[in-house]
Protein backbone atom coordinates (compact mmCIF):
# COMPACT_ATOMS: atom_id res chain seq x y z
CA MET A 1 -0.66 15.68 5.36
CA LYS A 2 1.32 12.61 6.26
CA ILE A 3 4.19 12.68 3.81
CA ARG A 4 6.75 12.17 6.62
CA CYS A 5 7.85 8.58 7.01
CA ARG A 6 5.99 6.21 9.25
CA VAL A 7 8.87 3.79 9.36
CA PHE A 8 7.67 0.82 11.39
CA ALA A 9 4.21 0.58 9.83
CA ILE A 10 5.82 0.63 6.42
CA ASN A 11 8.44 -1.92 7.45
CA LEU A 12 5.78 -4.42 8.54
CA LEU A 13 4.00 -4.10 5.22
CA ILE A 14 7.19 -4.52 3.21
CA LEU A 15 8.07 -7.67 5.10
CA MET A 16 4.62 -9.19 4.57
CA LEU A 17 4.83 -8.46 0.85
CA ALA A 18 8.32 -9.93 0.65
CA GLY A 19 7.05 -13.22 2.03
CA ALA A 20 4.22 -13.30 -0.48
CA ALA A 21 6.57 -12.52 -3.33
CA LEU A 22 8.93 -15.29 -2.25
CA LYS A 23 6.23 -17.90 -2.81
CA THR A 24 5.54 -16.51 -6.25
CA VAL A 25 9.18 -16.57 -7.29
CA THR A 26 10.01 -20.02 -5.99
CA ALA A 27 6.95 -21.41 -7.76
CA GLN A 28 8.24 -20.26 -11.12
CA ILE A 29 10.48 -23.22 -11.99
CA SER A 30 11.34 -21.65 -15.33
CA LYS A 31 13.37 -18.99 -13.52
CA PRO A 32 17.11 -19.55 -12.96
CA PRO A 33 17.65 -21.52 -9.70
CA ALA A 34 20.17 -18.93 -8.48
CA THR A 35 17.36 -16.44 -7.87
CA THR A 36 15.42 -18.00 -5.00
CA LYS A 37 14.25 -14.78 -3.38
CA PRO A 38 13.25 -11.50 -4.99
CA THR A 39 15.41 -8.42 -4.92
CA ILE A 40 13.68 -5.55 -3.14
CA VAL A 41 14.44 -1.96 -4.10
CA ILE A 42 13.07 0.61 -1.62
CA VAL A 43 12.64 4.28 -2.61
CA HIS A 44 12.21 6.70 0.28
CA GLY A 45 9.89 9.70 0.45
CA ALA A 46 10.24 13.48 0.39
CA TRP A 47 12.88 15.19 2.57
CA GLY A 48 14.00 11.83 3.93
CA GLY A 49 16.64 9.34 2.94
CA SER A 50 17.47 5.69 2.49
CA TRP A 51 18.63 5.74 6.12
CA ALA A 52 14.96 5.51 7.17
CA PHE A 53 14.85 1.91 5.93
CA ARG A 54 18.18 0.59 7.20
CA ARG A 55 16.55 -1.53 9.92
CA VAL A 56 14.18 -3.28 7.54
CA ASP A 57 17.12 -3.71 5.17
CA GLU A 58 19.01 -5.59 7.88
CA LEU A 59 16.04 -7.79 8.72
CA LEU A 60 15.36 -8.69 5.09
CA ARG A 61 19.01 -9.51 4.44
CA GLN A 62 19.04 -11.79 7.48
CA LYS A 63 16.25 -13.71 5.75
CA GLY A 64 18.23 -13.97 2.53
CA PHE A 65 16.65 -11.18 0.52
CA ASN A 66 18.74 -8.90 -1.67
CA VAL A 67 17.92 -5.28 -0.76
CA TYR A 68 18.84 -1.97 -2.36
CA ARG A 69 17.99 1.46 -0.96
CA PRO A 70 18.86 4.08 -3.61
CA GLN A 71 19.58 7.49 -2.12
CA LEU A 72 17.86 10.23 -4.09
CA THR A 73 20.18 13.08 -5.12
CA GLY A 74 20.23 16.06 -2.76
CA LEU A 75 18.73 14.17 0.16
CA GLY A 76 20.10 12.00 2.96
CA GLU A 77 23.81 11.35 2.69
CA ARG A 78 23.77 13.03 -0.73
CA VAL A 79 22.55 16.32 0.71
CA HIS A 80 25.87 17.90 -0.26
CA LEU A 81 24.79 17.52 -3.90
CA SER A 82 21.61 19.51 -3.35
CA ARG A 83 20.86 22.19 -5.95
CA PRO A 84 17.73 23.94 -7.27
CA ASP A 85 17.72 22.25 -10.67
CA ILE A 86 17.23 18.75 -9.20
CA GLY A 87 13.83 17.57 -10.34
CA LEU A 88 11.66 14.48 -10.37
CA SER A 89 13.49 13.24 -13.48
CA THR A 90 16.79 13.38 -11.55
CA HIS A 91 15.39 11.08 -8.90
CA ILE A 92 13.97 8.72 -11.50
CA ASP A 93 17.45 8.57 -13.04
CA ASP A 94 18.91 7.74 -9.60
CA VAL A 95 16.82 4.59 -9.31
CA VAL A 96 16.99 3.57 -12.98
CA ASN A 97 20.79 3.76 -12.87
CA THR A 98 20.90 1.69 -9.69
CA ILE A 99 18.88 -1.01 -11.43
CA LEU A 100 20.93 -0.90 -14.64
CA PHE A 101 24.42 -0.63 -13.16
CA GLU A 102 23.73 -3.24 -10.47
CA ASP A 103 22.16 -5.39 -13.21
CA LEU A 104 19.00 -6.05 -11.22
CA HIS A 105 16.12 -8.14 -12.58
CA ASP A 106 12.72 -9.34 -11.34
CA ILE A 107 12.68 -6.74 -8.60
CA ILE A 108 9.97 -5.67 -6.20
CA LEU A 109 10.08 -1.89 -6.49
CA VAL A 110 8.73 -0.12 -3.40
CA GLY A 111 7.96 3.61 -3.21
CA HIS A 112 6.85 5.50 -0.11
CA SER A 113 4.92 8.78 -0.38
CA TYR A 114 6.79 10.98 -2.89
CA GLY A 115 8.63 7.79 -3.81
CA GLY A 116 5.46 6.73 -5.64
CA MET A 117 6.18 9.44 -8.22
CA VAL A 118 9.68 8.07 -8.62
CA ILE A 119 8.84 4.37 -9.00
CA THR A 120 6.10 5.17 -11.51
CA GLY A 121 8.68 6.96 -13.65
CA VAL A 122 11.16 4.12 -13.18
CA ALA A 123 8.56 1.57 -14.31
CA ASP A 124 8.01 3.60 -17.47
CA ARG A 125 11.73 3.41 -18.22
CA VAL A 126 12.63 -0.20 -17.32
CA PRO A 127 9.42 -2.25 -17.01
CA ASP A 128 11.27 -5.41 -18.08
CA ARG A 129 13.34 -5.32 -14.87
CA ILE A 130 10.36 -5.15 -12.50
CA GLN A 131 8.31 -8.01 -11.06
CA ARG A 132 5.92 -5.87 -8.98
CA LEU A 133 5.32 -2.28 -7.90
CA VAL A 134 4.39 -1.46 -4.32
CA TYR A 135 2.97 1.95 -3.36
CA LEU A 136 3.17 2.70 0.37
CA ASP A 137 0.98 5.69 1.18
CA ALA A 138 2.28 6.98 -2.11
CA PHE A 139 1.33 9.13 -5.06
CA VAL A 140 0.09 7.29 -8.15
CA PRO A 141 0.51 9.77 -11.00
CA ASN A 142 -0.84 9.80 -14.51
CA ASP A 143 1.06 11.22 -17.45
CA GLY A 144 1.62 14.96 -17.10
CA GLU A 145 0.92 15.19 -13.36
CA SER A 146 3.16 16.47 -10.57
CA VAL A 147 3.04 16.46 -6.77
CA MET A 148 1.66 20.00 -6.88
CA THR A 149 -1.04 18.81 -9.27
CA PHE A 150 -2.18 16.37 -6.62
CA GLN A 151 -2.09 18.96 -3.88
CA GLY A 152 -4.15 21.67 -5.56
CA SER A 153 -5.97 23.78 -2.97
CA ARG A 154 -5.06 21.19 -0.32
CA GLY A 155 -1.43 22.17 -0.67
CA ASP A 156 -1.67 25.31 1.46
CA TRP A 157 0.24 23.53 4.22
CA LEU A 158 3.28 23.54 1.94
CA LYS A 159 3.38 27.32 1.42
CA PRO A 160 5.15 28.19 4.70
CA MET A 161 7.79 25.58 3.84
CA ILE A 162 8.68 27.03 0.45
CA LYS A 163 11.83 29.08 0.80
CA GLY A 164 13.04 30.22 -2.61
CA ASP A 165 13.83 27.13 -4.68
CA TYR A 166 13.47 24.67 -1.80
CA ILE A 167 10.81 23.11 0.40
CA VAL A 168 12.21 23.22 3.93
CA PRO A 169 10.91 20.75 6.58
CA LEU A 170 9.89 22.96 9.51
CA TRP A 171 9.94 20.07 11.99
CA VAL A 172 13.73 19.73 11.87
CA LYS A 173 15.53 21.65 14.63
CA PRO A 174 18.59 23.73 13.64
CA ASP A 175 20.88 21.77 15.97
CA GLN A 176 19.38 18.35 15.24
CA PRO A 177 22.11 15.80 14.47
CA PRO A 178 21.78 13.53 11.42
CA PRO A 179 20.09 11.52 10.22
CA HIS A 180 17.14 13.85 9.72
CA ASP A 181 14.97 15.28 6.96
CA VAL A 182 16.55 17.97 4.79
CA PRO A 183 15.33 20.68 2.38
CA GLN A 184 14.24 19.34 -0.99
CA SER A 185 14.31 21.07 -4.37
CA LEU A 186 10.95 22.63 -5.21
CA LYS A 187 11.38 21.36 -8.77
CA THR A 188 10.87 17.77 -7.57
CA PHE A 189 7.31 18.78 -6.67
CA THR A 190 6.56 20.94 -9.71
CA GLU A 191 8.06 18.85 -12.52
CA ALA A 192 5.41 16.84 -14.35
CA ILE A 193 6.01 13.15 -14.96
CA SER A 194 6.19 11.80 -18.49
CA LEU A 195 4.70 8.32 -18.97
CA LYS A 196 4.72 6.84 -22.48
CA ASN A 197 5.57 3.15 -22.11
CA LYS A 198 2.44 0.99 -22.34
CA ALA A 199 4.36 -2.02 -21.08
CA ALA A 200 4.55 -0.37 -17.66
CA LEU A 201 0.77 -0.43 -17.41
CA LYS A 202 0.83 -4.24 -17.41
CA LEU A 203 3.02 -4.52 -14.32
CA PRO A 204 1.39 -6.06 -11.21
CA ALA A 205 1.02 -3.50 -8.44
CA THR A 206 -0.13 -3.23 -4.84
CA TYR A 207 -1.20 -0.13 -2.92
CA MET A 208 -0.83 -0.04 0.87
CA LEU A 209 -2.59 2.67 2.85
CA THR A 210 -1.99 3.45 6.53
CA VAL A 211 -5.00 4.79 8.39
CA ALA A 212 -4.79 6.27 11.87
CA ALA A 213 -6.68 4.47 14.62
CA GLY A 214 -10.16 5.94 14.97
CA LYS A 215 -10.03 7.55 11.54
CA GLU A 216 -12.07 6.56 8.51
CA ALA A 217 -10.00 5.44 5.54
CA LYS A 218 -11.92 7.83 3.28
CA ASP A 219 -10.71 10.76 5.42
CA ASP A 220 -7.07 9.85 4.96
CA ASP A 221 -4.92 12.24 2.91
CA PHE A 222 -3.84 9.44 0.58
CA TRP A 223 -7.28 7.89 0.18
CA PRO A 224 -7.74 9.47 -3.29
CA GLN A 225 -4.47 7.90 -4.37
CA ALA A 226 -5.52 4.51 -3.02
CA GLN A 227 -8.81 4.76 -4.90
CA ARG A 228 -6.98 5.69 -8.07
CA ALA A 229 -4.82 2.60 -7.71
CA LYS A 230 -7.65 0.28 -6.68
CA SER A 231 -8.86 -0.32 -10.22
CA ALA A 232 -5.50 -1.73 -11.29
CA ALA A 233 -3.69 -2.75 -8.11
CA GLY A 234 -4.24 -4.80 -5.00
CA LEU A 235 -5.27 -2.64 -2.05
CA SER A 236 -4.12 -3.18 1.54
CA TRP A 237 -4.38 -1.02 4.62
CA LEU A 238 -2.98 -0.99 8.13
CA THR A 239 -4.25 0.75 11.25
CA ALA A 240 -1.34 2.94 12.26
CA ASP A 241 -0.50 6.21 13.98
CA HIS A 242 0.59 8.87 11.52
CA ASN A 243 3.15 10.26 13.94
CA CYS A 244 6.62 9.60 12.52
CA THR A 245 8.00 8.41 15.88
CA MET A 246 5.19 6.06 16.91
CA VAL A 247 3.03 3.47 15.21
CA SER A 248 0.60 0.93 16.55
CA THR A 249 0.81 -2.80 15.94
CA GLY A 250 -2.94 -3.07 16.30
CA GLY A 251 -6.12 -1.07 16.23
CA PRO A 252 -8.18 -0.08 19.28
CA GLY A 253 -9.29 -3.67 19.63
CA GLY A 254 -5.78 -5.02 19.23
CA ASN A 255 -6.43 -6.40 15.75
CA VAL A 256 -4.52 -5.50 12.62
CA SER A 257 -6.40 -6.55 9.50
CA ARG A 258 -4.75 -6.72 6.11
CA HIS A 259 -7.25 -6.98 3.26
CA SER A 260 -5.78 -7.64 -0.14
CA LEU A 261 -7.20 -7.72 -3.61
CA ASN A 262 -5.10 -9.72 -6.02
CA THR A 263 -3.76 -7.59 -8.81
CA PHE A 264 -6.14 -7.63 -11.80
CA SER A 265 -8.41 -10.02 -9.88
CA ALA A 266 -11.67 -9.57 -8.02
CA LYS A 267 -10.92 -12.48 -5.70
CA PRO A 268 -10.24 -11.05 -2.19
CA GLN A 269 -7.91 -12.40 0.44
CA SER A 270 -7.65 -11.41 4.09
CA VAL A 271 -5.18 -12.16 6.84
CA SER A 272 -5.64 -10.95 10.42
CA TYR A 273 -2.96 -10.56 13.06
CA ASN A 274 -3.93 -10.48 16.72
CA SER A 275 -1.52 -8.57 18.93
CA LYS A 276 -1.51 -6.11 21.76
CA HIS A 277 -2.11 -2.44 21.02
CA ARG A 278 1.56 -1.68 21.57
CA PRO A 279 3.23 1.56 20.42
CA LEU A 280 6.72 1.37 18.97
CA GLN A 281 9.21 4.19 19.33
CA HIS A 282 11.29 4.96 16.23
CA ASN A 283 14.54 3.80 17.84
CA CYS A 284 13.13 1.09 20.12
CA GLU A 285 14.39 -2.48 20.29
CA HIS A 286 11.05 -4.30 19.76
CA TYR A 287 12.28 -5.91 16.56
CA SER A 288 10.82 -9.25 17.62
CA LEU A 289 7.44 -7.89 16.48
CA VAL A 290 8.86 -7.16 13.07
CA GLU A 291 10.49 -10.58 13.02
CA LYS A 292 7.08 -12.16 13.76
CA ARG A 293 5.64 -10.39 10.72
CA ILE A 294 8.40 -11.99 8.64
CA ARG A 295 7.35 -15.43 9.84
CA ASP A 296 3.67 -14.64 9.40
CA ALA A 297 4.36 -13.40 5.89
CA GLN A 298 5.19 -16.94 4.81
CA GLN A 299 1.55 -17.86 5.42
CA ILE A 300 0.20 -15.35 2.89
CA GLU A 301 -0.61 -16.96 -0.42
């Protein structure tokens, strides 16, 4: 199961989407001239934190985008607030309150992995504040479902990680300095989502799936979620290593293909990027590759 963050692959996809969204926003002359670029709100995944997206935050801000990275309660720098009664609804409140108290409008709301549960709940609460939803290897729940509902018999890998009221990431070493993944309340995985607002169903959405090189998309852990979203959202995928500390900028042949279906449209689009099959370490300095994706993003209609 690849719930752990695949930071660089995700960053490239966010940047491409940001460029596409910019064209949409600037074309809408009825919008106030002060808002020339969309605000991007990024919701991190399970056990992680907003710290995982600080690099992409910096890059987007350099390009003039307004970026928010809400930190979910009990995780990341808010780990000191961790307690067993924190549930999915708590994390939905975290993001809703960020949007309301920062007075954000026309946002691109991005959710990675478990973050898909969160942004779906946020959309149900404040659909009028959202321009587009983006699911990055994320859960796409229906009313009454939870993370554990999705897992079913495939969730056996989680059992060794459940320690009382928490799910403890076994890959974190006891003496590992921050930032790192932290235990997460079990209730965030067991609490069912409540979706009642029909207006949220009309929001444009895109699903982005990362598939390991040499692996069929249908064999990917999040393939069922991508298929669920395909009927209502644009679908994109990127050839990428699922290892948290390394991703590939191209497939075995050195070609990264991004196939998109316009939301609520059968008309396909495709953009291909030719680059070397070059692995990126999590803390490497190859940000020029990310910067290139920002420039290339401006070419996506």
